[in-house]
Amino acid sequence: MDYHGLDHFLRDGRAALATGPVALIMVEDLVEVDTTIRHHLNLGFPTIAVFCPQGTPRPDDVVQKVHFIEMDMHRHGAPIDIVNRIIKAAPGQWLYYCYNAEYLFFPFCETRTVGEMLAFHTEERRDAMLTYVIDLYAGDLARFPNAVSLESAMLDRSGYYAAARKDDAGHPRERQLDFFGGLRWRFEEHVPKARRKIDRIALFRAKRGLVLRADHSFNDQEYNTYACPWHNNLTAAICSFRTAKALKSNAGSTFDIQSFEWDNSIPFEWSSQQLLDLGLMEPGQWF
């Protein structure tokens, strides 16, 4: 199903937002668009909306399952604007957003659907879920110059840390932290300071007045917390080639980087158990 712009989708395809959780995929380039869509279909998202440049290929076998909304995705702030307009259009609905070449993992996702996971999260009176954006990268950049290879993907097994998140008065915010690590930490000289964090509230329930901000946080501070006051909650991971792609496509960094591998690089197994074992997501009370 194709739409020419967000206005067209919200007019003629708005009914699709009634069936959730809804995945919003932002297409920045044509790298791994197909696998990104299929991965999230396999997780059980009943509604997937793909926001993409004009001419983005549509896999024949998913055309009837996915909503393709053609837009100028290179306009500054376009993804954030899209999410905020969907929030207004779908109050009460669980939403998820990511970019192409990003893949959501949550505890036990091989045997449980995203709907089952969010039903449990809702029972715990949570309206948002912290996700860590875990950098993936190709081991052999000579063979894969855009740093993307699903078959030989690598990730960092260590080097992640958290720092206190402070309010405007300089006081630590309750149950909020800024998380760092991966390529944005190891190659921080090539990453603007405002983009070095790896935390993203990518799963959340829309409500009236909620606004996603440019730093991937929300105007409702409770949405930005990693857990409720009484115990740890579920967290998830978005395994992403986005930073690796950017570092190898930008003229200011590509020639300085001959390899992303270091002593703590390990092959990515494409499994939730590996991410749990590495401490890159938390099952909370869900078993």
Protein backbone atom coordinates (compact mmCIF):
# COMPACT_ATOMS: atom_id res chain seq x y z
CA MET A 1 0.00 0.00 0.00
CA ASP A 2 1.53 3.26 -1.14
CA TYR A 3 0.92 6.81 0.02
CA HIS A 4 2.27 10.08 -1.32
CA GLY A 5 3.27 11.82 1.87
CA LEU A 6 2.26 11.69 5.50
CA ASP A 7 -0.90 13.74 4.96
CA HIS A 8 -2.11 11.13 2.46
CA PHE A 9 -1.39 8.30 4.91
CA LEU A 10 -3.11 10.02 7.82
CA ARG A 11 -6.14 10.70 5.63
CA ASP A 12 -6.54 7.37 3.78
CA GLY A 13 -4.50 4.91 5.86
CA ARG A 14 -5.14 6.12 9.37
CA ALA A 15 -7.25 3.08 10.20
CA ALA A 16 -4.06 0.99 10.12
CA LEU A 17 -2.88 2.77 13.27
CA ALA A 18 -5.71 1.16 15.22
CA THR A 19 -3.94 -2.22 15.11
CA GLY A 20 -0.76 -2.22 17.12
CA PRO A 21 1.91 -2.22 18.15
CA VAL A 22 2.86 -0.11 15.14
CA ALA A 23 6.42 -0.08 13.76
CA LEU A 24 7.62 3.10 12.06
CA ILE A 25 10.71 2.50 9.88
CA MET A 26 12.62 5.56 8.66
CA VAL A 27 14.53 4.90 5.43
CA GLU A 28 17.61 7.10 5.10
CA ASP A 29 19.21 5.17 2.22
CA LEU A 30 18.58 1.89 0.38
CA VAL A 31 20.85 -0.26 2.57
CA GLU A 32 19.09 -3.35 4.01
CA VAL A 33 15.59 -1.91 3.71
CA ASP A 34 14.22 -5.35 2.81
CA THR A 35 15.81 -7.16 5.78
CA THR A 36 14.74 -4.42 8.20
CA ILE A 37 11.11 -4.80 7.13
CA ARG A 38 11.21 -8.60 7.28
CA HIS A 39 12.88 -8.66 10.69
CA HIS A 40 10.13 -6.55 12.23
CA LEU A 41 7.39 -8.51 10.48
CA ASN A 42 8.87 -11.65 12.04
CA LEU A 43 8.73 -10.03 15.49
CA GLY A 44 4.96 -9.84 15.15
CA PHE A 45 4.28 -6.17 14.43
CA PRO A 46 0.79 -6.22 12.86
CA THR A 47 1.23 -2.78 11.33
CA ILE A 48 4.45 -1.51 9.73
CA ALA A 49 4.74 1.93 8.15
CA VAL A 50 7.85 2.58 6.07
CA PHE A 51 8.72 6.23 5.46
CA CYS A 52 10.98 6.30 2.44
CA PRO A 53 12.33 8.36 -0.47
CA GLN A 54 10.50 8.16 -3.77
CA GLY A 55 11.50 5.09 -5.77
CA THR A 56 12.41 2.87 -2.81
CA PRO A 57 12.01 -0.77 -3.97
CA ARG A 58 9.06 -2.73 -2.55
CA PRO A 59 9.60 -6.48 -2.05
CA ASP A 60 6.74 -8.19 -3.89
CA ASP A 61 5.81 -10.50 -1.03
CA VAL A 62 5.46 -7.76 1.59
CA VAL A 63 3.71 -5.03 -0.42
CA GLN A 64 0.29 -6.03 0.90
CA LYS A 65 1.54 -6.23 4.51
CA VAL A 66 3.37 -2.89 4.74
CA HIS A 67 2.40 0.75 4.28
CA PHE A 68 4.96 2.68 2.21
CA ILE A 69 4.81 6.46 2.67
CA GLU A 70 7.01 8.37 0.22
CA MET A 71 8.60 11.45 1.76
CA ASP A 72 11.70 13.62 1.70
CA MET A 73 13.61 11.81 4.45
CA HIS A 74 16.63 14.11 4.15
CA ARG A 75 14.76 17.15 5.37
CA HIS A 76 16.23 18.20 8.72
CA GLY A 77 14.25 16.71 11.58
CA ALA A 78 11.97 14.66 9.33
CA PRO A 79 11.99 11.42 11.41
CA ILE A 80 11.20 13.25 14.66
CA ASP A 81 8.40 15.20 12.97
CA ILE A 82 6.94 11.97 11.59
CA VAL A 83 6.90 10.28 15.00
CA ASN A 84 5.26 13.30 16.62
CA ARG A 85 2.52 13.45 14.01
CA ILE A 86 1.83 9.73 14.44
CA ILE A 87 1.66 10.25 18.22
CA LYS A 88 -1.09 12.83 17.70
CA ALA A 89 -2.94 10.51 15.30
CA ALA A 90 -2.82 7.39 17.47
CA PRO A 91 -3.27 8.22 21.18
CA GLY A 92 -3.21 5.10 23.34
CA GLN A 93 -1.35 3.00 20.77
CA TRP A 94 2.05 1.38 21.32
CA LEU A 95 4.56 2.72 18.77
CA TYR A 96 8.10 1.75 17.83
CA TYR A 97 10.48 3.62 15.56
CA CYS A 98 13.82 2.78 13.98
CA TYR A 99 15.87 3.39 10.84
CA ASN A 100 16.79 1.04 8.01
CA ALA A 101 19.61 -1.41 8.83
CA GLU A 102 18.41 -1.47 12.45
CA TYR A 103 16.98 -4.59 14.08
CA LEU A 104 14.99 -4.77 17.32
CA PHE A 105 15.74 -7.52 19.83
CA PHE A 106 13.97 -8.04 23.15
CA PRO A 107 14.30 -10.87 25.69
CA PHE A 108 13.12 -14.22 24.26
CA CYS A 109 12.05 -12.59 20.97
CA GLU A 110 12.68 -15.85 19.11
CA THR A 111 9.69 -17.47 20.80
CA ARG A 112 7.51 -14.53 21.90
CA THR A 113 5.97 -11.71 19.91
CA VAL A 114 6.43 -8.01 20.46
CA GLY A 115 2.73 -7.82 21.33
CA GLU A 116 3.14 -10.37 24.12
CA MET A 117 6.14 -8.52 25.46
CA LEU A 118 4.36 -5.16 25.50
CA ALA A 119 1.27 -6.69 27.12
CA PHE A 120 3.48 -7.74 30.04
CA HIS A 121 5.16 -4.34 30.11
CA THR A 122 1.75 -2.67 30.23
CA GLU A 123 0.71 -4.86 33.15
CA GLU A 124 3.71 -3.46 35.01
CA ARG A 125 2.21 0.01 34.50
CA ARG A 126 4.93 1.08 32.11
CA ASP A 127 4.19 3.29 29.08
CA ALA A 128 7.69 3.34 27.60
CA MET A 129 10.69 1.05 27.25
CA LEU A 130 14.35 1.93 27.17
CA THR A 131 16.26 0.50 24.22
CA TYR A 132 20.03 0.50 23.80
CA VAL A 133 21.30 1.12 20.27
CA ILE A 134 24.07 -1.45 19.87
CA ASP A 135 26.45 -0.77 16.99
CA LEU A 136 27.00 -3.47 14.41
CA TYR A 137 29.77 -3.32 11.82
CA ALA A 138 31.41 -5.46 9.18
CA GLY A 139 34.71 -6.99 10.17
CA ASP A 140 36.28 -6.62 6.72
CA LEU A 141 35.87 -3.07 5.42
CA ALA A 142 37.83 -3.87 2.27
CA ARG A 143 35.15 -6.39 1.34
CA PHE A 144 32.25 -4.35 2.75
CA PRO A 145 33.22 -0.67 2.30
CA ASN A 146 29.86 0.61 3.60
CA ALA A 147 30.52 -1.34 6.86
CA VAL A 148 27.33 -3.41 6.48
CA SER A 149 27.33 -7.19 6.40
CA LEU A 150 24.63 -9.27 8.06
CA GLU A 151 26.59 -12.48 7.57
CA SER A 152 29.78 -11.22 9.23
CA ALA A 153 28.39 -8.60 11.61
CA MET A 154 30.47 -7.74 14.68
CA LEU A 155 29.67 -5.90 17.90
CA ASP A 156 31.54 -4.69 20.97
CA ARG A 157 31.29 -7.03 23.96
CA SER A 158 32.41 -4.32 26.42
CA GLY A 159 33.07 -0.61 26.66
CA TYR A 160 29.57 0.48 27.65
CA TYR A 161 28.94 2.83 30.55
CA ALA A 162 26.32 5.15 32.05
CA ALA A 163 26.50 8.67 33.46
CA ALA A 164 24.01 10.57 35.60
CA ARG A 165 21.48 12.58 33.61
CA LYS A 166 20.98 16.01 35.15
CA ASP A 167 18.07 18.42 35.04
CA ASP A 168 18.31 22.12 34.21
CA ALA A 169 19.35 22.86 37.79
CA GLY A 170 22.19 20.35 37.67
CA HIS A 171 20.53 17.72 39.86
CA PRO A 172 20.49 14.02 38.83
CA ARG A 173 17.16 12.95 37.37
CA GLU A 174 15.46 10.05 39.13
CA ARG A 175 15.84 6.70 37.30
CA GLN A 176 17.45 8.33 34.28
CA LEU A 177 20.94 7.80 32.91
CA ASP A 178 22.84 8.68 29.75
CA PHE A 179 24.34 5.56 28.17
CA PHE A 180 27.47 5.46 26.01
CA GLY A 181 29.56 2.89 24.19
CA GLY A 182 30.15 1.23 20.85
CA LEU A 183 31.48 3.09 17.83
CA ARG A 184 30.19 6.45 19.07
CA TRP A 185 32.45 6.07 22.10
CA ARG A 186 35.49 4.60 20.34
CA PHE A 187 35.38 7.14 17.50
CA GLU A 188 33.92 10.02 19.46
CA GLU A 189 36.17 12.57 17.73
CA HIS A 190 34.04 12.02 14.62
CA VAL A 191 30.68 12.14 16.41
CA PRO A 192 29.05 15.39 17.59
CA LYS A 193 28.67 15.43 21.37
CA ALA A 194 24.87 15.60 21.16
CA ARG A 195 24.81 12.32 19.20
CA ARG A 196 27.10 10.17 21.33
CA LYS A 197 24.43 8.62 23.57
CA ILE A 198 23.18 5.14 22.71
CA ASP A 199 19.89 5.18 24.63
CA ARG A 200 16.61 5.63 22.78
CA ILE A 201 13.03 5.33 24.03
CA ALA A 202 12.02 3.48 20.88
CA LEU A 203 8.98 1.66 22.30
CA PHE A 204 6.29 3.80 23.89
CA ARG A 205 2.57 4.33 24.18
CA ALA A 206 1.29 7.46 22.47
CA LYS A 207 -0.81 9.93 24.43
CA ARG A 208 -2.12 13.43 23.96
CA GLY A 209 0.53 16.08 24.55
CA LEU A 210 3.46 13.67 24.28
CA VAL A 211 6.36 15.04 22.23
CA LEU A 212 9.51 13.27 21.05
CA ARG A 213 12.51 15.59 21.17
CA ALA A 214 15.55 15.69 18.91
CA ASP A 215 17.71 13.83 21.45
CA HIS A 216 15.31 10.83 21.39
CA SER A 217 13.84 11.71 24.79
CA PHE A 218 10.29 12.81 25.62
CA ASN A 219 8.76 15.85 27.27
CA ASP A 220 7.20 13.51 29.87
CA GLN A 221 10.12 12.63 32.15
CA GLU A 222 8.60 9.34 33.30
CA TYR A 223 8.86 8.10 29.71
CA ASN A 224 12.64 8.66 29.91
CA THR A 225 13.18 6.38 32.92
CA TYR A 226 14.83 2.97 32.63
CA ALA A 227 12.69 1.33 35.34
CA CYS A 228 9.78 1.89 37.67
CA PRO A 229 10.49 2.83 41.33
CA TRP A 230 9.93 -0.66 42.76
CA HIS A 231 11.92 -3.04 40.53
CA ASN A 232 13.84 -3.43 37.27
CA ASN A 233 11.80 -3.53 34.07
CA LEU A 234 12.28 -5.01 30.64
CA THR A 235 14.69 -3.27 28.30
CA ALA A 236 15.42 -4.02 24.66
CA ALA A 237 18.22 -3.51 22.14
CA ILE A 238 18.29 -2.12 18.62
CA CYS A 239 21.21 -3.65 16.78
CA SER A 240 22.20 -1.03 14.27
CA PHE A 241 24.58 -0.50 11.37
CA ARG A 242 23.61 3.18 11.27
CA THR A 243 26.68 4.61 13.00
CA ALA A 244 29.10 2.38 11.07
CA LYS A 245 27.47 3.45 7.79
CA ALA A 246 27.75 7.11 8.73
CA LEU A 247 31.39 6.88 9.79
CA LYS A 248 32.33 5.20 6.50
CA SER A 249 30.25 7.47 4.27
CA ASN A 250 31.35 10.79 5.75
CA ALA A 251 34.44 12.29 4.15
CA GLY A 252 35.65 13.61 7.50
CA SER A 253 35.96 10.14 9.03
CA THR A 254 36.12 7.46 6.35
CA PHE A 255 39.84 7.80 5.58
CA ASP A 256 40.75 7.74 9.29
CA ILE A 257 39.07 4.38 9.82
CA GLN A 258 40.64 1.30 8.26
CA SER A 259 38.84 -1.14 10.54
CA PHE A 260 36.21 -1.07 13.28
CA GLU A 261 37.57 -4.22 14.93
CA TRP A 262 39.43 -4.12 18.26
CA ASP A 263 40.26 -6.59 21.02
CA ASN A 264 36.67 -6.58 22.28
CA SER A 265 34.99 -7.22 18.93
CA ILE A 266 33.00 -10.45 18.69
CA PRO A 267 30.71 -11.92 16.02
CA PHE A 268 27.05 -11.03 16.42
CA GLU A 269 24.97 -14.20 16.75
CA TRP A 270 21.62 -12.56 15.94
CA SER A 271 20.14 -13.89 19.17
CA SER A 272 18.50 -12.32 22.19
CA GLN A 273 20.41 -14.68 24.48
CA GLN A 274 23.77 -13.25 23.40
CA LEU A 275 22.54 -9.72 24.18
CA LEU A 276 21.21 -10.86 27.56
CA ASP A 277 24.51 -12.59 28.37
CA LEU A 278 26.42 -9.39 27.52
CA GLY A 279 24.12 -7.32 29.74
CA LEU A 280 22.88 -5.28 26.79
CA MET A 281 19.24 -5.73 27.71
CA GLU A 282 17.28 -6.70 30.82
CA PRO A 283 14.46 -9.25 31.19
CA GLY A 284 13.17 -7.67 34.40
CA GLN A 285 10.45 -9.86 35.88
CA TRP A 286 9.58 -11.48 32.51
CA PHE A 287 10.68 -15.11 32.19
